[in-house]
């Protein structure tokens, strides 16, 4: 009787389209420790997350999901590129932030050359991400270009950053 009911079910559903039922979730793959519970200055983010990018030989982009209180919730590597370019996906940025259940995002990417001045493309992509975020109710806190954890550039503030924390600390 079991085989007959399976065959009958197959005949009933043969001409129907299947739609997958899914569940999307984030998976914790590690932990990063920081001295600061809340981060409000670009230098705080640079010092905490710049160390993830400071020795990279290719451009990489990270996204940090942030609560209104300034508490960083999660960080994700969004893209890895070549020596002077890194293609990012807008949907990936916002999917990460939505899954983190946070109202803000901070982006960091490195320039392996050590020159932290933003390119015209860096400026354009920052403007596009900010505009998309406004439509979605997600605040772009900043987009920081990283040389190392002590030196960077805040595109939103339009200035070079120097972390207060001394090297070796």
C-alpha atoms as a PDB file:
ATOM      1  CA  UNK A   1       0.000   0.000   0.000  1.00  0.00           C
ATOM      2  CA  UNK A   2       2.922   2.397   0.675  1.00  0.00           C
ATOM      3  CA  UNK A   3       4.209   2.264  -2.934  1.00  0.00           C
ATOM      4  CA  UNK A   4       0.719   2.791  -4.351  1.00  0.00           C
ATOM      5  CA  UNK A   5       0.153   5.971  -2.313  1.00  0.00           C
ATOM      6  CA  UNK A   6       3.586   7.328  -3.332  1.00  0.00           C
ATOM      7  CA  UNK A   7       2.784   6.713  -7.011  1.00  0.00           C
ATOM      8  CA  UNK A   8      -0.646   8.320  -6.605  1.00  0.00           C
ATOM      9  CA  UNK A   9       0.958  11.404  -4.978  1.00  0.00           C
ATOM     10  CA  UNK A  10       3.497  11.650  -7.831  1.00  0.00           C
ATOM     11  CA  UNK A  11       0.694  11.584 -10.408  1.00  0.00           C
ATOM     12  CA  UNK A  12      -1.253  14.282  -8.500  1.00  0.00           C
ATOM     13  CA  UNK A  13       1.746  16.656  -8.311  1.00  0.00           C
ATOM     14  CA  UNK A  14       3.468  15.955 -11.661  1.00  0.00           C
ATOM     15  CA  UNK A  15       2.182  19.137 -13.341  1.00  0.00           C
ATOM     16  CA  UNK A  16       2.657  21.412 -10.346  1.00  0.00           C
ATOM     17  CA  UNK A  17       5.577  23.742  -9.669  1.00  0.00           C
ATOM     18  CA  UNK A  18       7.505  23.129  -6.479  1.00  0.00           C
ATOM     19  CA  UNK A  19       8.446  26.107  -4.316  1.00  0.00           C
ATOM     20  CA  UNK A  20      11.043  25.579  -1.629  1.00  0.00           C
ATOM     21  CA  UNK A  21      10.229  26.446   1.953  1.00  0.00           C
ATOM     22  CA  UNK A  22      13.402  27.888   3.514  1.00  0.00           C
ATOM     23  CA  UNK A  23      14.775  29.398   6.694  1.00  0.00           C
ATOM     24  CA  UNK A  24      17.545  31.993   6.527  1.00  0.00           C
ATOM     25  CA  UNK A  25      19.817  32.537   9.505  1.00  0.00           C
ATOM     26  CA  UNK A  26      23.247  33.773  10.419  1.00  0.00           C
ATOM     27  CA  UNK A  27      25.800  31.368  11.767  1.00  0.00           C
ATOM     28  CA  UNK A  28      28.471  32.449  14.232  1.00  0.00           C
ATOM     29  CA  UNK A  29      31.861  31.352  12.927  1.00  0.00           C
ATOM     30  CA  UNK A  30      34.085  33.030  15.513  1.00  0.00           C
ATOM     31  CA  UNK A  31      34.379  35.770  18.106  1.00  0.00           C
ATOM     32  CA  UNK A  32      36.280  39.060  18.111  1.00  0.00           C
ATOM     33  CA  UNK A  33      37.028  40.682  21.461  1.00  0.00           C
ATOM     34  CA  UNK A  34      37.133  44.439  22.025  1.00  0.00           C
ATOM     35  CA  UNK A  35      37.664  46.717  25.000  1.00  0.00           C
ATOM     36  CA  UNK A  36      34.796  49.015  23.983  1.00  0.00           C
ATOM     37  CA  UNK A  37      31.183  47.991  24.391  1.00  0.00           C
ATOM     38  CA  UNK A  38      29.961  51.011  22.448  1.00  0.00           C
ATOM     39  CA  UNK A  39      31.677  52.726  19.532  1.00  0.00           C
ATOM     40  CA  UNK A  40      30.737  56.228  18.497  1.00  0.00           C
ATOM     41  CA  UNK A  41      33.868  57.556  16.787  1.00  0.00           C
ATOM     42  CA  UNK A  42      35.306  56.290  13.489  1.00  0.00           C
ATOM     43  CA  UNK A  43      38.630  55.772  15.304  1.00  0.00           C
ATOM     44  CA  UNK A  44      36.955  53.239  17.627  1.00  0.00           C
ATOM     45  CA  UNK A  45      35.820  51.156  14.651  1.00  0.00           C
ATOM     46  CA  UNK A  46      39.205  51.539  12.945  1.00  0.00           C
ATOM     47  CA  UNK A  47      41.098  50.227  15.949  1.00  0.00           C
ATOM     48  CA  UNK A  48      38.704  47.341  16.608  1.00  0.00           C
ATOM     49  CA  UNK A  49      38.164  46.107  13.063  1.00  0.00           C
ATOM     50  CA  UNK A  50      41.178  47.488  11.195  1.00  0.00           C
ATOM     51  CA  UNK A  51      43.306  44.685  12.599  1.00  0.00           C
ATOM     52  CA  UNK A  52      41.273  42.249  10.480  1.00  0.00           C
ATOM     53  CA  UNK A  53      42.448  44.016   7.321  1.00  0.00           C
ATOM     54  CA  UNK A  54      45.862  45.466   8.118  1.00  0.00           C
ATOM     55  CA  UNK A  55      47.999  42.625   6.723  1.00  0.00           C
ATOM     56  CA  UNK A  56      45.851  41.756   3.706  1.00  0.00           C
ATOM     57  CA  UNK A  57      47.640  41.782   0.356  1.00  0.00           C
ATOM     58  CA  UNK A  58      44.386  42.229  -1.594  1.00  0.00           C
ATOM     59  CA  UNK A  59      41.421  44.543  -1.110  1.00  0.00           C
ATOM     60  CA  UNK A  60      38.769  43.199   1.238  1.00  0.00           C
ATOM     61  CA  UNK A  61      35.535  44.659   2.528  1.00  0.00           C
ATOM     62  CA  UNK A  62      33.953  44.071   5.920  1.00  0.00           C
ATOM     63  CA  UNK A  63      30.506  45.051   7.162  1.00  0.00           C
ATOM     64  CA  UNK A  64      29.797  45.650  10.852  1.00  0.00           C
ATOM     65  CA  UNK A  65      26.186  45.653  12.039  1.00  0.00           C
ATOM     66  CA  UNK A  66      25.624  48.277  14.733  1.00  0.00           C
ATOM     67  CA  UNK A  67      22.831  49.043  17.198  1.00  0.00           C
ATOM     68  CA  UNK A  68      21.626  52.625  17.824  1.00  0.00           C
ATOM     69  CA  UNK A  69      23.603  52.544  21.093  1.00  0.00           C
ATOM     70  CA  UNK A  70      26.843  52.127  19.122  1.00  0.00           C
ATOM     71  CA  UNK A  71      27.219  48.478  20.082  1.00  0.00           C
ATOM     72  CA  UNK A  72      28.720  46.377  17.288  1.00  0.00           C
ATOM     73  CA  UNK A  73      26.782  43.115  16.976  1.00  0.00           C
ATOM     74  CA  UNK A  74      28.455  41.209  14.156  1.00  0.00           C
ATOM     75  CA  UNK A  75      31.127  41.513  11.484  1.00  0.00           C
ATOM     76  CA  UNK A  76      31.220  39.751   8.124  1.00  0.00           C
ATOM     77  CA  UNK A  77      33.707  39.594   5.282  1.00  0.00           C
ATOM     78  CA  UNK A  78      31.647  40.729   2.286  1.00  0.00           C
ATOM     79  CA  UNK A  79      34.185  40.596  -0.515  1.00  0.00           C
ATOM     80  CA  UNK A  80      37.768  39.848  -1.418  1.00  0.00           C
ATOM     81  CA  UNK A  81      39.261  41.350  -4.549  1.00  0.00           C
ATOM     82  CA  UNK A  82      42.571  42.108  -6.186  1.00  0.00           C
ATOM     83  CA  UNK A  83      45.396  44.489  -5.347  1.00  0.00           C
ATOM     84  CA  UNK A  84      43.405  47.616  -6.198  1.00  0.00           C
ATOM     85  CA  UNK A  85      39.748  46.649  -6.544  1.00  0.00           C
ATOM     86  CA  UNK A  86      37.028  44.809  -4.668  1.00  0.00           C
ATOM     87  CA  UNK A  87      33.557  44.200  -6.095  1.00  0.00           C
ATOM     88  CA  UNK A  88      30.789  44.313  -3.534  1.00  0.00           C
ATOM     89  CA  UNK A  89      27.173  43.273  -3.707  1.00  0.00           C
ATOM     90  CA  UNK A  90      24.527  45.647  -2.357  1.00  0.00           C
ATOM     91  CA  UNK A  91      22.128  42.796  -1.551  1.00  0.00           C
ATOM     92  CA  UNK A  92      24.842  41.039   0.496  1.00  0.00           C
ATOM     93  CA  UNK A  93      25.441  44.173   2.592  1.00  0.00           C
ATOM     94  CA  UNK A  94      21.804  44.618   3.480  1.00  0.00           C
ATOM     95  CA  UNK A  95      21.025  40.921   3.898  1.00  0.00           C
ATOM     96  CA  UNK A  96      23.773  40.796   6.537  1.00  0.00           C
ATOM     97  CA  UNK A  97      22.355  43.835   8.357  1.00  0.00           C
ATOM     98  CA  UNK A  98      18.779  42.521   8.250  1.00  0.00           C
ATOM     99  CA  UNK A  99      19.849  39.141   9.606  1.00  0.00           C
ATOM    100  CA  UNK A 100      21.736  40.922  12.404  1.00  0.00           C
ATOM    101  CA  UNK A 101      18.536  42.811  13.258  1.00  0.00           C
ATOM    102  CA  UNK A 102      20.425  46.110  13.472  1.00  0.00           C
ATOM    103  CA  UNK A 103      19.496  49.607  12.258  1.00  0.00           C
ATOM    104  CA  UNK A 104      23.028  50.567  11.203  1.00  0.00           C
ATOM    105  CA  UNK A 105      25.998  49.339   9.225  1.00  0.00           C
ATOM    106  CA  UNK A 106      29.621  50.408   9.101  1.00  0.00           C
ATOM    107  CA  UNK A 107      31.796  49.379   6.163  1.00  0.00           C
ATOM    108  CA  UNK A 108      35.563  49.005   6.151  1.00  0.00           C
ATOM    109  CA  UNK A 109      37.845  48.147   3.277  1.00  0.00           C
ATOM    110  CA  UNK A 110      41.577  48.236   2.966  1.00  0.00           C
ATOM    111  CA  UNK A 111      43.971  49.712   0.440  1.00  0.00           C
ATOM    112  CA  UNK A 112      46.947  47.315   0.332  1.00  0.00           C
ATOM    113  CA  UNK A 113      49.109  50.190  -0.979  1.00  0.00           C
ATOM    114  CA  UNK A 114      48.732  51.927   2.397  1.00  0.00           C
ATOM    115  CA  UNK A 115      47.345  55.068   0.711  1.00  0.00           C
ATOM    116  CA  UNK A 116      44.052  55.738   2.489  1.00  0.00           C
ATOM    117  CA  UNK A 117      42.789  58.511   0.214  1.00  0.00           C
ATOM    118  CA  UNK A 118      39.424  57.439  -1.250  1.00  0.00           C
ATOM    119  CA  UNK A 119      39.166  56.895  -4.977  1.00  0.00           C
ATOM    120  CA  UNK A 120      36.302  58.349  -7.004  1.00  0.00           C
ATOM    121  CA  UNK A 121      34.818  54.825  -7.044  1.00  0.00           C
ATOM    122  CA  UNK A 122      35.056  54.633  -3.220  1.00  0.00           C
ATOM    123  CA  UNK A 123      33.094  57.894  -3.012  1.00  0.00           C
ATOM    124  CA  UNK A 124      30.486  56.731  -5.551  1.00  0.00           C
ATOM    125  CA  UNK A 125      29.849  53.374  -3.915  1.00  0.00           C
ATOM    126  CA  UNK A 126      29.531  55.035  -0.495  1.00  0.00           C
ATOM    127  CA  UNK A 127      26.871  57.394  -1.862  1.00  0.00           C
ATOM    128  CA  UNK A 128      24.990  54.498  -3.494  1.00  0.00           C
ATOM    129  CA  UNK A 129      25.057  52.409  -0.298  1.00  0.00           C
ATOM    130  CA  UNK A 130      23.898  55.362   1.786  1.00  0.00           C
ATOM    131  CA  UNK A 131      20.992  56.077  -0.605  1.00  0.00           C
ATOM    132  CA  UNK A 132      19.954  52.403  -0.666  1.00  0.00           C
ATOM    133  CA  UNK A 133      20.162  52.239   3.112  1.00  0.00           C
ATOM    134  CA  UNK A 134      17.906  55.271   3.474  1.00  0.00           C
ATOM    135  CA  UNK A 135      15.254  53.537   1.374  1.00  0.00           C
ATOM    136  CA  UNK A 136      15.541  50.433   3.569  1.00  0.00           C
ATOM    137  CA  UNK A 137      15.715  52.234   6.916  1.00  0.00           C
ATOM    138  CA  UNK A 138      19.367  51.238   7.474  1.00  0.00           C
ATOM    139  CA  UNK A 139      21.815  53.984   8.464  1.00  0.00           C
ATOM    140  CA  UNK A 140      25.291  53.926   6.920  1.00  0.00           C
ATOM    141  CA  UNK A 141      27.380  54.950   9.916  1.00  0.00           C
ATOM    142  CA  UNK A 142      30.598  55.307   7.931  1.00  0.00           C
ATOM    143  CA  UNK A 143      32.792  53.764   5.270  1.00  0.00           C
ATOM    144  CA  UNK A 144      36.375  53.572   6.490  1.00  0.00           C
ATOM    145  CA  UNK A 145      39.417  52.906   4.341  1.00  0.00           C
ATOM    146  CA  UNK A 146      42.065  51.050   6.338  1.00  0.00           C
ATOM    147  CA  UNK A 147      45.854  51.161   6.108  1.00  0.00           C
ATOM    148  CA  UNK A 148      46.192  49.424   9.478  1.00  0.00           C
ATOM    149  CA  UNK A 149      44.414  49.556  12.839  1.00  0.00           C
ATOM    150  CA  UNK A 150      46.066  52.907  13.613  1.00  0.00           C
ATOM    151  CA  UNK A 151      45.590  54.783  10.328  1.00  0.00           C
ATOM    152  CA  UNK A 152      42.605  55.085   8.040  1.00  0.00           C
ATOM    153  CA  UNK A 153      40.220  57.466   6.335  1.00  0.00           C
ATOM    154  CA  UNK A 154      36.565  58.198   7.128  1.00  0.00           C
ATOM    155  CA  UNK A 155      34.670  58.840   3.906  1.00  0.00           C
ATOM    156  CA  UNK A 156      31.627  60.221   5.774  1.00  0.00           C
ATOM    157  CA  UNK A 157      33.744  62.623   7.865  1.00  0.00           C
ATOM    158  CA  UNK A 158      36.112  63.369   4.972  1.00  0.00           C
ATOM    159  CA  UNK A 159      39.241  63.075   7.099  1.00  0.00           C
ATOM    160  CA  UNK A 160      42.211  60.887   7.922  1.00  0.00           C
ATOM    161  CA  UNK A 161      41.871  58.839  11.087  1.00  0.00           C
ATOM    162  CA  UNK A 162      44.524  58.037  13.654  1.00  0.00           C
ATOM    163  CA  UNK A 163      43.625  55.635  16.437  1.00  0.00           C
ATOM    164  CA  UNK A 164      44.294  56.965  19.952  1.00  0.00           C
ATOM    165  CA  UNK A 165      45.534  53.579  21.090  1.00  0.00           C
ATOM    166  CA  UNK A 166      49.306  53.281  20.938  1.00  0.00           C
ATOM    167  CA  UNK A 167      50.927  50.503  18.940  1.00  0.00           C
ATOM    168  CA  UNK A 168      51.641  47.504  21.077  1.00  0.00           C
ATOM    169  CA  UNK A 169      48.704  48.256  23.388  1.00  0.00           C
END
